[in-house]
Amino acid sequence: MSTGRKAGLAALTESAQKNNPVLKKKPTPVRRPAPRKRPEKRQKVEFDESARHEFLTGFSKRKQQRKQAAQENRQARIREELKDSRRAAIEARREQAAENVRAERRAYGLLSDDEEEAEPMHEEHDFENEERRAHVTVQEFDVDADWHAPPPPKVTEQLPPSSRRAARKEAAVAPQKPKAAPNPKRPSGSLTAILEPDVVNAAHYLPIEEAPKPAPAKRAHTYLSAAERMQERKAQREHNHKQAELRRESNRARAKSGPKKKISTTGQRRK
């Protein structure tokens, strides 16, 4: 028992605890503070108040701009289509004219083999702006051609809307013929014009003056004192009271007389 106690006590000594691997504690790790990060600058969202106001109040303006741009594109496309159609028509007329000239010269025997192979020079150009349109034709000079012959009938083409508006404005600005002034010396069919022409001339040239209208009469405004107003209200109340009494008397008399008896269409009274 003594040895066991000693062994137990020896196990509790400081040296035994240090040498005992079971009782040894692991060293706690030293926690070092994490390095602080440098504060980054935060991005600020800034609004442009003028641009915001323009966006919020400009819906109708932007819609109008889109409409105007679409209309301009449509007009430009129409102008291009008109130019293409004119160019195609001019090309067709030029080929037809050249073919007609060759057929005519061939019919009269004036066309040689070299001329049949070579095509005559014939160029046409169009110059057009918003107000006017010009058509230029360049062709070879022919000595045998009859230059004094009347020109061929001019083919009129439909002008664009801008040219039609310009022509309409020029026609509206054309000077108008002044109206002839009336002859005051010429007598009319009335007897006064024959006997007294001076009176007629004066009536033609003198302005007619309207008679001045009478000014409306001003209504007299009377100011009543407090006593006068009270007396007037009292008289009005008495008048209203008398009228009410008369109405009551008439109603009582009508009630006493009783309802009227109705007479049938056959002449017999209904009870």
C-alpha atoms as a PDB file:
ATOM      1  CA  MET A   1       0.000   0.000   0.000  1.00  0.00           C
ATOM      2  CA  SER A   2       2.813   2.339   0.761  1.00  0.00           C
ATOM      3  CA  THR A   3       4.504   1.738  -2.572  1.00  0.00           C
ATOM      4  CA  GLY A   4       1.238   2.292  -4.441  1.00  0.00           C
ATOM      5  CA  ARG A   5       0.641   5.524  -2.627  1.00  0.00           C
ATOM      6  CA  LYS A   6       4.124   6.677  -3.353  1.00  0.00           C
ATOM      7  CA  ALA A   7       3.682   5.842  -7.025  1.00  0.00           C
ATOM      8  CA  GLY A   8       0.444   7.781  -7.064  1.00  0.00           C
ATOM      9  CA  LEU A   9       2.008  10.750  -5.353  1.00  0.00           C
ATOM     10  CA  ALA A  10       5.021  10.621  -7.643  1.00  0.00           C
ATOM     11  CA  ALA A  11       2.716  10.797 -10.619  1.00  0.00           C
ATOM     12  CA  LEU A  12       1.306  14.031  -9.273  1.00  0.00           C
ATOM     13  CA  THR A  13       4.674  15.733  -8.904  1.00  0.00           C
ATOM     14  CA  GLU A  14       5.716  18.507 -11.294  1.00  0.00           C
ATOM     15  CA  SER A  15       8.565  16.538 -12.854  1.00  0.00           C
ATOM     16  CA  ALA A  16       6.314  13.562 -13.512  1.00  0.00           C
ATOM     17  CA  GLN A  17       3.745  15.761 -15.149  1.00  0.00           C
ATOM     18  CA  LYS A  18       6.392  17.318 -17.388  1.00  0.00           C
ATOM     19  CA  ASN A  19       7.817  13.939 -18.411  1.00  0.00           C
ATOM     20  CA  ASN A  20       4.406  12.330 -18.945  1.00  0.00           C
ATOM     21  CA  PRO A  21       3.554  12.584 -22.668  1.00  0.00           C
ATOM     22  CA  VAL A  22      -0.143  12.195 -21.963  1.00  0.00           C
ATOM     23  CA  LEU A  23      -0.270  15.201 -19.734  1.00  0.00           C
ATOM     24  CA  LYS A  24       1.717  17.427 -22.112  1.00  0.00           C
ATOM     25  CA  LYS A  25      -0.440  20.157 -23.727  1.00  0.00           C
ATOM     26  CA  LYS A  26      -0.043  21.380 -27.250  1.00  0.00           C
ATOM     27  CA  PRO A  27       1.130  24.955 -27.514  1.00  0.00           C
ATOM     28  CA  THR A  28      -1.654  27.324 -28.511  1.00  0.00           C
ATOM     29  CA  PRO A  29      -0.947  29.039 -31.815  1.00  0.00           C
ATOM     30  CA  VAL A  30      -0.371  32.754 -31.655  1.00  0.00           C
ATOM     31  CA  ARG A  31      -2.983  34.598 -33.638  1.00  0.00           C
ATOM     32  CA  ARG A  32      -1.565  37.525 -35.452  1.00  0.00           C
ATOM     33  CA  PRO A  33      -3.894  40.288 -36.552  1.00  0.00           C
ATOM     34  CA  ALA A  34      -4.655  40.278 -40.246  1.00  0.00           C
ATOM     35  CA  PRO A  35      -3.043  43.082 -42.185  1.00  0.00           C
ATOM     36  CA  ARG A  36      -5.423  45.939 -42.774  1.00  0.00           C
ATOM     37  CA  LYS A  37      -6.384  46.602 -46.356  1.00  0.00           C
ATOM     38  CA  ARG A  38      -6.107  50.050 -47.712  1.00  0.00           C
ATOM     39  CA  PRO A  39      -9.568  51.592 -48.041  1.00  0.00           C
ATOM     40  CA  GLU A  40     -10.500  51.751 -51.683  1.00  0.00           C
ATOM     41  CA  LYS A  41     -12.319  54.762 -53.071  1.00  0.00           C
ATOM     42  CA  ARG A  42     -15.941  53.971 -53.692  1.00  0.00           C
ATOM     43  CA  GLN A  43     -17.349  54.904 -57.041  1.00  0.00           C
ATOM     44  CA  LYS A  44     -20.062  57.500 -56.849  1.00  0.00           C
ATOM     45  CA  VAL A  45     -22.945  57.433 -59.273  1.00  0.00           C
ATOM     46  CA  GLU A  46     -23.548  60.985 -60.405  1.00  0.00           C
ATOM     47  CA  PHE A  47     -26.569  61.996 -62.467  1.00  0.00           C
ATOM     48  CA  ASP A  48     -26.584  64.804 -64.968  1.00  0.00           C
ATOM     49  CA  GLU A  49     -29.697  66.737 -64.034  1.00  0.00           C
ATOM     50  CA  SER A  50     -29.849  68.607 -67.343  1.00  0.00           C
ATOM     51  CA  ALA A  51     -29.632  65.368 -69.367  1.00  0.00           C
ATOM     52  CA  ARG A  52     -32.202  63.741 -67.080  1.00  0.00           C
ATOM     53  CA  HIS A  53     -34.590  66.662 -67.520  1.00  0.00           C
ATOM     54  CA  GLU A  54     -34.034  66.617 -71.285  1.00  0.00           C
ATOM     55  CA  PHE A  55     -34.812  62.890 -71.424  1.00  0.00           C
ATOM     56  CA  LEU A  56     -37.948  63.145 -69.299  1.00  0.00           C
ATOM     57  CA  THR A  57     -39.382  66.149 -71.149  1.00  0.00           C
ATOM     58  CA  GLY A  58     -38.275  65.313 -74.686  1.00  0.00           C
ATOM     59  CA  PHE A  59     -40.484  62.362 -75.650  1.00  0.00           C
ATOM     60  CA  SER A  60     -42.715  64.359 -78.000  1.00  0.00           C
ATOM     61  CA  LYS A  61     -39.714  66.190 -79.467  1.00  0.00           C
ATOM     62  CA  ARG A  62     -37.880  62.937 -80.218  1.00  0.00           C
ATOM     63  CA  LYS A  63     -41.045  61.446 -81.706  1.00  0.00           C
ATOM     64  CA  GLN A  64     -41.413  64.491 -83.958  1.00  0.00           C
ATOM     65  CA  GLN A  65     -37.764  64.191 -85.001  1.00  0.00           C
ATOM     66  CA  ARG A  66     -38.275  60.527 -85.899  1.00  0.00           C
ATOM     67  CA  LYS A  67     -41.333  61.410 -87.964  1.00  0.00           C
ATOM     68  CA  GLN A  68     -39.450  64.173 -89.759  1.00  0.00           C
ATOM     69  CA  ALA A  69     -36.488  61.885 -90.475  1.00  0.00           C
ATOM     70  CA  ALA A  70     -38.818  59.187 -91.839  1.00  0.00           C
ATOM     71  CA  GLN A  71     -40.565  61.755 -94.045  1.00  0.00           C
ATOM     72  CA  GLU A  72     -37.237  63.042 -95.383  1.00  0.00           C
ATOM     73  CA  ASN A  73     -36.100  59.487 -96.134  1.00  0.00           C
ATOM     74  CA  ARG A  74     -39.394  58.807 -97.907  1.00  0.00           C
ATOM     75  CA  GLN A  75     -39.063  61.948-100.019  1.00  0.00           C
ATOM     76  CA  ALA A  76     -35.453  61.119-100.884  1.00  0.00           C
ATOM     77  CA  ARG A  77     -36.490  57.609-101.917  1.00  0.00           C
ATOM     78  CA  ILE A  78     -39.292  59.016-104.087  1.00  0.00           C
ATOM     79  CA  ARG A  79     -36.851  61.430-105.746  1.00  0.00           C
ATOM     80  CA  GLU A  80     -34.430  58.599-106.465  1.00  0.00           C
ATOM     81  CA  GLU A  81     -37.228  56.492-107.969  1.00  0.00           C
ATOM     82  CA  LEU A  82     -38.292  59.419-110.172  1.00  0.00           C
ATOM     83  CA  LYS A  83     -34.717  59.916-111.341  1.00  0.00           C
ATOM     84  CA  ASP A  84     -34.361  56.218-112.131  1.00  0.00           C
ATOM     85  CA  SER A  85     -37.644  56.174-114.059  1.00  0.00           C
ATOM     86  CA  ARG A  86     -36.657  59.287-116.033  1.00  0.00           C
ATOM     87  CA  ARG A  87     -33.245  57.837-116.757  1.00  0.00           C
ATOM     88  CA  ALA A  88     -34.793  54.587-117.997  1.00  0.00           C
ATOM     89  CA  ALA A  89     -37.329  56.482-120.141  1.00  0.00           C
ATOM     90  CA  ILE A  90     -34.576  58.664-121.639  1.00  0.00           C
ATOM     91  CA  GLU A  91     -32.460  55.622-122.409  1.00  0.00           C
ATOM     92  CA  ALA A  92     -35.406  53.907-124.086  1.00  0.00           C
ATOM     93  CA  ARG A  93     -36.234  57.015-126.153  1.00  0.00           C
ATOM     94  CA  ARG A  94     -32.609  57.404-127.169  1.00  0.00           C
ATOM     95  CA  GLU A  95     -32.362  53.817-128.361  1.00  0.00           C
ATOM     96  CA  GLN A  96     -35.691  54.117-130.166  1.00  0.00           C
ATOM     97  CA  ALA A  97     -34.611  57.380-131.860  1.00  0.00           C
ATOM     98  CA  ALA A  98     -31.310  55.868-132.979  1.00  0.00           C
ATOM     99  CA  GLU A  99     -33.117  52.828-134.326  1.00  0.00           C
ATOM    100  CA  ASN A 100     -35.613  55.025-136.198  1.00  0.00           C
ATOM    101  CA  VAL A 101     -32.818  57.078-137.791  1.00  0.00           C
ATOM    102  CA  ARG A 102     -30.963  53.968-138.907  1.00  0.00           C
ATOM    103  CA  ALA A 103     -34.151  52.445-140.332  1.00  0.00           C
ATOM    104  CA  GLU A 104     -34.937  55.642-142.239  1.00  0.00           C
ATOM    105  CA  ARG A 105     -31.426  55.951-143.680  1.00  0.00           C
ATOM    106  CA  ARG A 106     -31.473  52.268-144.550  1.00  0.00           C
ATOM    107  CA  ALA A 107     -34.805  52.699-146.340  1.00  0.00           C
ATOM    108  CA  TYR A 108     -33.450  55.589-148.439  1.00  0.00           C
ATOM    109  CA  GLY A 109     -30.178  53.749-149.111  1.00  0.00           C
ATOM    110  CA  LEU A 110     -28.061  56.367-147.346  1.00  0.00           C
ATOM    111  CA  LEU A 111     -26.663  54.009-144.744  1.00  0.00           C
ATOM    112  CA  SER A 112     -23.307  52.403-145.581  1.00  0.00           C
ATOM    113  CA  ASP A 113     -21.773  49.324-144.047  1.00  0.00           C
ATOM    114  CA  ASP A 114     -19.416  51.404-141.894  1.00  0.00           C
ATOM    115  CA  GLU A 115     -22.273  53.512-140.592  1.00  0.00           C
ATOM    116  CA  GLU A 116     -24.249  50.401-139.787  1.00  0.00           C
ATOM    117  CA  GLU A 117     -21.431  49.199-137.592  1.00  0.00           C
ATOM    118  CA  ALA A 118     -20.705  52.581-135.977  1.00  0.00           C
ATOM    119  CA  GLU A 119     -23.343  54.006-133.708  1.00  0.00           C
ATOM    120  CA  PRO A 120     -24.005  57.752-133.806  1.00  0.00           C
ATOM    121  CA  MET A 121     -23.084  59.828-130.786  1.00  0.00           C
ATOM    122  CA  HIS A 122     -26.163  60.670-128.804  1.00  0.00           C
ATOM    123  CA  GLU A 123     -25.909  61.568-125.134  1.00  0.00           C
ATOM    124  CA  GLU A 124     -28.507  62.946-122.784  1.00  0.00           C
ATOM    125  CA  HIS A 125     -27.985  64.326-119.308  1.00  0.00           C
ATOM    126  CA  ASP A 126     -30.339  65.502-116.606  1.00  0.00           C
ATOM    127  CA  PHE A 127     -29.592  68.294-114.166  1.00  0.00           C
ATOM    128  CA  GLU A 128     -32.108  68.702-111.385  1.00  0.00           C
ATOM    129  CA  ASN A 129     -32.424  70.632-108.146  1.00  0.00           C
ATOM    130  CA  GLU A 130     -35.305  71.371-105.808  1.00  0.00           C
ATOM    131  CA  GLU A 131     -36.794  74.088-108.065  1.00  0.00           C
ATOM    132  CA  ARG A 132     -35.823  73.360-111.688  1.00  0.00           C
ATOM    133  CA  ARG A 133     -34.910  70.446-113.904  1.00  0.00           C
ATOM    134  CA  ALA A 134     -32.856  70.655-117.129  1.00  0.00           C
ATOM    135  CA  HIS A 135     -32.470  68.034-119.859  1.00  0.00           C
ATOM    136  CA  VAL A 136     -29.414  68.322-122.168  1.00  0.00           C
ATOM    137  CA  THR A 137     -29.011  66.290-125.387  1.00  0.00           C
ATOM    138  CA  VAL A 138     -25.626  65.986-127.170  1.00  0.00           C
ATOM    139  CA  GLN A 139     -25.608  64.504-130.698  1.00  0.00           C
ATOM    140  CA  GLU A 140     -23.535  64.606-133.884  1.00  0.00           C
ATOM    141  CA  PHE A 141     -23.988  67.427-136.386  1.00  0.00           C
ATOM    142  CA  ASP A 142     -25.608  66.195-139.582  1.00  0.00           C
ATOM    143  CA  VAL A 143     -25.150  68.379-142.667  1.00  0.00           C
ATOM    144  CA  ASP A 144     -27.992  66.738-144.583  1.00  0.00           C
ATOM    145  CA  ALA A 145     -30.459  67.216-141.737  1.00  0.00           C
ATOM    146  CA  ASP A 146     -33.207  69.795-142.150  1.00  0.00           C
ATOM    147  CA  TRP A 147     -32.500  72.215-139.306  1.00  0.00           C
ATOM    148  CA  HIS A 148     -35.398  74.485-140.260  1.00  0.00           C
ATOM    149  CA  ALA A 149     -37.955  71.757-139.719  1.00  0.00           C
ATOM    150  CA  PRO A 150     -40.299  72.262-136.767  1.00  0.00           C
ATOM    151  CA  PRO A 151     -39.066  70.593-133.583  1.00  0.00           C
ATOM    152  CA  PRO A 152     -40.733  67.378-132.502  1.00  0.00           C
ATOM    153  CA  PRO A 153     -43.506  67.664-129.951  1.00  0.00           C
ATOM    154  CA  LYS A 154     -42.175  68.056-126.467  1.00  0.00           C
ATOM    155  CA  VAL A 155     -42.895  65.209-124.125  1.00  0.00           C
ATOM    156  CA  THR A 156     -44.079  66.569-120.827  1.00  0.00           C
ATOM    157  CA  GLU A 157     -43.261  64.586-117.770  1.00  0.00           C
ATOM    158  CA  GLN A 158     -44.780  64.838-114.384  1.00  0.00           C
ATOM    159  CA  LEU A 159     -42.765  67.254-112.277  1.00  0.00           C
ATOM    160  CA  PRO A 160     -41.927  66.525-108.653  1.00  0.00           C
ATOM    161  CA  PRO A 161     -44.018  68.192-105.953  1.00  0.00           C
ATOM    162  CA  SER A 162     -41.325  70.812-105.252  1.00  0.00           C
ATOM    163  CA  SER A 163     -41.280  71.972-108.912  1.00  0.00           C
ATOM    164  CA  ARG A 164     -45.070  72.129-109.011  1.00  0.00           C
ATOM    165  CA  ARG A 165     -45.098  74.253-105.871  1.00  0.00           C
ATOM    166  CA  ALA A 166     -42.493  76.615-107.339  1.00  0.00           C
ATOM    167  CA  ALA A 167     -44.508  77.004-110.570  1.00  0.00           C
ATOM    168  CA  ARG A 168     -47.660  77.653-108.562  1.00  0.00           C
ATOM    169  CA  LYS A 169     -45.876  80.365-106.538  1.00  0.00           C
ATOM    170  CA  GLU A 170     -44.595  82.058-109.722  1.00  0.00           C
ATOM    171  CA  ALA A 171     -48.109  82.051-111.177  1.00  0.00           C
ATOM    172  CA  ALA A 172     -49.492  83.556-107.972  1.00  0.00           C
ATOM    173  CA  VAL A 173     -46.888  86.349-107.969  1.00  0.00           C
ATOM    174  CA  ALA A 174     -47.744  87.337-111.599  1.00  0.00           C
ATOM    175  CA  PRO A 175     -48.947  90.967-111.800  1.00  0.00           C
ATOM    176  CA  GLN A 176     -52.653  91.463-112.120  1.00  0.00           C
ATOM    177  CA  LYS A 177     -54.294  93.960-114.422  1.00  0.00           C
ATOM    178  CA  PRO A 178     -55.438  97.089-112.570  1.00  0.00           C
ATOM    179  CA  LYS A 179     -59.159  97.601-112.502  1.00  0.00           C
ATOM    180  CA  ALA A 180     -60.523 100.586-114.396  1.00  0.00           C
ATOM    181  CA  ALA A 181     -61.708 103.395-112.147  1.00  0.00           C
ATOM    182  CA  PRO A 182     -65.409 104.194-112.388  1.00  0.00           C
ATOM    183  CA  ASN A 183     -66.223 107.208-114.531  1.00  0.00           C
ATOM    184  CA  PRO A 184     -68.052 109.703-112.302  1.00  0.00           C
ATOM    185  CA  LYS A 185     -69.082 111.843-115.273  1.00  0.00           C
ATOM    186  CA  ARG A 186     -71.159 109.092-116.796  1.00  0.00           C
ATOM    187  CA  PRO A 187     -74.774 109.670-115.712  1.00  0.00           C
ATOM    188  CA  SER A 188     -76.833 106.834-114.386  1.00  0.00           C
ATOM    189  CA  GLY A 189     -80.446 106.168-115.201  1.00  0.00           C
ATOM    190  CA  SER A 190     -81.819 108.143-112.235  1.00  0.00           C
ATOM    191  CA  LEU A 191     -83.313 111.623-112.580  1.00  0.00           C
ATOM    192  CA  THR A 192     -81.108 113.019-109.808  1.00  0.00           C
ATOM    193  CA  ALA A 193     -77.934 111.960-111.665  1.00  0.00           C
ATOM    194  CA  ILE A 194     -79.113 113.729-114.817  1.00  0.00           C
ATOM    195  CA  LEU A 195     -80.216 116.977-113.160  1.00  0.00           C
ATOM    196  CA  GLU A 196     -77.641 117.257-110.362  1.00  0.00           C
ATOM    197  CA  PRO A 197     -74.382 115.460-111.308  1.00  0.00           C
ATOM    198  CA  ASP A 198     -72.449 117.284-108.570  1.00  0.00           C
ATOM    199  CA  VAL A 199     -74.655 115.689-105.953  1.00  0.00           C
ATOM    200  CA  VAL A 200     -73.982 112.242-107.411  1.00  0.00           C
ATOM    201  CA  ASN A 201     -70.195 112.839-107.499  1.00  0.00           C
ATOM    202  CA  ALA A 202     -70.239 114.043-103.919  1.00  0.00           C
ATOM    203  CA  ALA A 203     -72.201 110.949-102.917  1.00  0.00           C
ATOM    204  CA  HIS A 204     -69.550 108.768-104.613  1.00  0.00           C
ATOM    205  CA  TYR A 205     -66.530 110.327-102.933  1.00  0.00           C
ATOM    206  CA  LEU A 206     -67.759 111.682 -99.592  1.00  0.00           C
ATOM    207  CA  PRO A 207     -67.619 109.148 -96.755  1.00  0.00           C
ATOM    208  CA  ILE A 208     -70.856 108.260 -95.066  1.00  0.00           C
ATOM    209  CA  GLU A 209     -70.762 109.209 -91.409  1.00  0.00           C
ATOM    210  CA  GLU A 210     -72.910 107.301 -89.000  1.00  0.00           C
ATOM    211  CA  ALA A 211     -75.095 109.219 -86.573  1.00  0.00           C
ATOM    212  CA  PRO A 212     -73.729 109.163 -83.034  1.00  0.00           C
ATOM    213  CA  LYS A 213     -75.596 106.793 -80.789  1.00  0.00           C
ATOM    214  CA  PRO A 214     -77.152 108.311 -77.679  1.00  0.00           C
ATOM    215  CA  ALA A 215     -75.363 107.428 -74.503  1.00  0.00           C
ATOM    216  CA  PRO A 216     -77.355 105.144 -72.186  1.00  0.00           C
ATOM    217  CA  ALA A 217     -78.981 106.960 -69.307  1.00  0.00           C
ATOM    218  CA  LYS A 218     -77.249 106.346 -66.028  1.00  0.00           C
ATOM    219  CA  ARG A 219     -79.398 104.804 -63.352  1.00  0.00           C
ATOM    220  CA  ALA A 220     -79.672 106.925 -60.270  1.00  0.00           C
ATOM    221  CA  HIS A 221     -78.184 105.152 -57.291  1.00  0.00           C
ATOM    222  CA  THR A 222     -79.671 106.048 -53.932  1.00  0.00           C
ATOM    223  CA  TYR A 223     -78.068 105.201 -50.630  1.00  0.00           C
ATOM    224  CA  LEU A 224     -80.428 104.301 -47.772  1.00  0.00           C
ATOM    225  CA  SER A 225     -79.664 104.644 -44.130  1.00  0.00           C
ATOM    226  CA  ALA A 226     -80.057 101.808 -41.627  1.00  0.00           C
ATOM    227  CA  ALA A 227     -83.427 103.119 -40.400  1.00  0.00           C
ATOM    228  CA  GLU A 228     -84.737 103.475 -43.960  1.00  0.00           C
ATOM    229  CA  ARG A 229     -83.635  99.950 -44.839  1.00  0.00           C
ATOM    230  CA  MET A 230     -85.345  98.580 -41.706  1.00  0.00           C
ATOM    231  CA  GLN A 231     -88.571 100.412 -42.558  1.00  0.00           C
ATOM    232  CA  GLU A 232     -88.474  99.099 -46.129  1.00  0.00           C
ATOM    233  CA  ARG A 233     -87.999  95.520 -44.929  1.00  0.00           C
ATOM    234  CA  LYS A 234     -90.901  95.936 -42.479  1.00  0.00           C
ATOM    235  CA  ALA A 235     -93.202  97.176 -45.251  1.00  0.00           C
ATOM    236  CA  GLN A 236     -92.159  94.240 -47.438  1.00  0.00           C
ATOM    237  CA  ARG A 237     -92.937  91.766 -44.646  1.00  0.00           C
ATOM    238  CA  GLU A 238     -96.369  93.302 -44.105  1.00  0.00           C
ATOM    239  CA  HIS A 239     -97.118  93.102 -47.812  1.00  0.00           C
ATOM    240  CA  ASN A 240     -96.068  89.443 -47.908  1.00  0.00           C
ATOM    241  CA  HIS A 241     -98.211  88.708 -44.822  1.00  0.00           C
ATOM    242  CA  LYS A 242    -101.280  90.276 -46.438  1.00  0.00           C
ATOM    243  CA  GLN A 243    -100.771  88.283 -49.628  1.00  0.00           C
ATOM    244  CA  ALA A 244    -100.457  85.055 -47.615  1.00  0.00           C
ATOM    245  CA  GLU A 245    -103.694  85.822 -45.729  1.00  0.00           C
ATOM    246  CA  LEU A 246    -105.521  86.409 -49.004  1.00  0.00           C
ATOM    247  CA  ARG A 247    -104.289  83.066 -50.356  1.00  0.00           C
ATOM    248  CA  ARG A 248    -105.442  81.272 -47.187  1.00  0.00           C
ATOM    249  CA  GLU A 249    -108.904  82.846 -47.390  1.00  0.00           C
ATOM    250  CA  SER A 250    -109.296  81.810 -51.018  1.00  0.00           C
ATOM    251  CA  ASN A 251    -108.216  78.251 -50.165  1.00  0.00           C
ATOM    252  CA  ARG A 252    -110.746  78.040 -47.299  1.00  0.00           C
ATOM    253  CA  ALA A 253    -113.571  79.308 -49.524  1.00  0.00           C
ATOM    254  CA  ARG A 254    -112.660  76.775 -52.212  1.00  0.00           C
ATOM    255  CA  ALA A 255    -112.641  73.955 -49.636  1.00  0.00           C
ATOM    256  CA  LYS A 256    -116.078  74.933 -48.281  1.00  0.00           C
ATOM    257  CA  SER A 257    -117.682  75.027 -51.698  1.00  0.00           C
ATOM    258  CA  GLY A 258    -116.701  71.353 -52.221  1.00  0.00           C
ATOM    259  CA  PRO A 259    -115.598  69.552 -55.383  1.00  0.00           C
ATOM    260  CA  LYS A 260    -117.391  70.355 -58.599  1.00  0.00           C
ATOM    261  CA  LYS A 261    -119.723  67.749 -60.066  1.00  0.00           C
ATOM    262  CA  LYS A 262    -118.647  66.345 -63.395  1.00  0.00           C
ATOM    263  CA  ILE A 263    -121.178  66.064 -66.223  1.00  0.00           C
ATOM    264  CA  SER A 264    -120.941  62.971 -68.429  1.00  0.00           C
ATOM    265  CA  THR A 265    -121.000  63.128 -72.188  1.00  0.00           C
ATOM    266  CA  THR A 266    -124.525  61.668 -72.268  1.00  0.00           C
ATOM    267  CA  GLY A 267    -125.878  64.655 -70.362  1.00  0.00           C
ATOM    268  CA  GLN A 268    -126.452  62.795 -67.041  1.00  0.00           C
ATOM    269  CA  ARG A 269    -124.690  63.960 -63.928  1.00  0.00           C
ATOM    270  CA  ARG A 270    -122.373  61.578 -62.177  1.00  0.00           C
ATOM    271  CA  LYS A 271    -122.845  61.191 -58.442  1.00  0.00           C
END
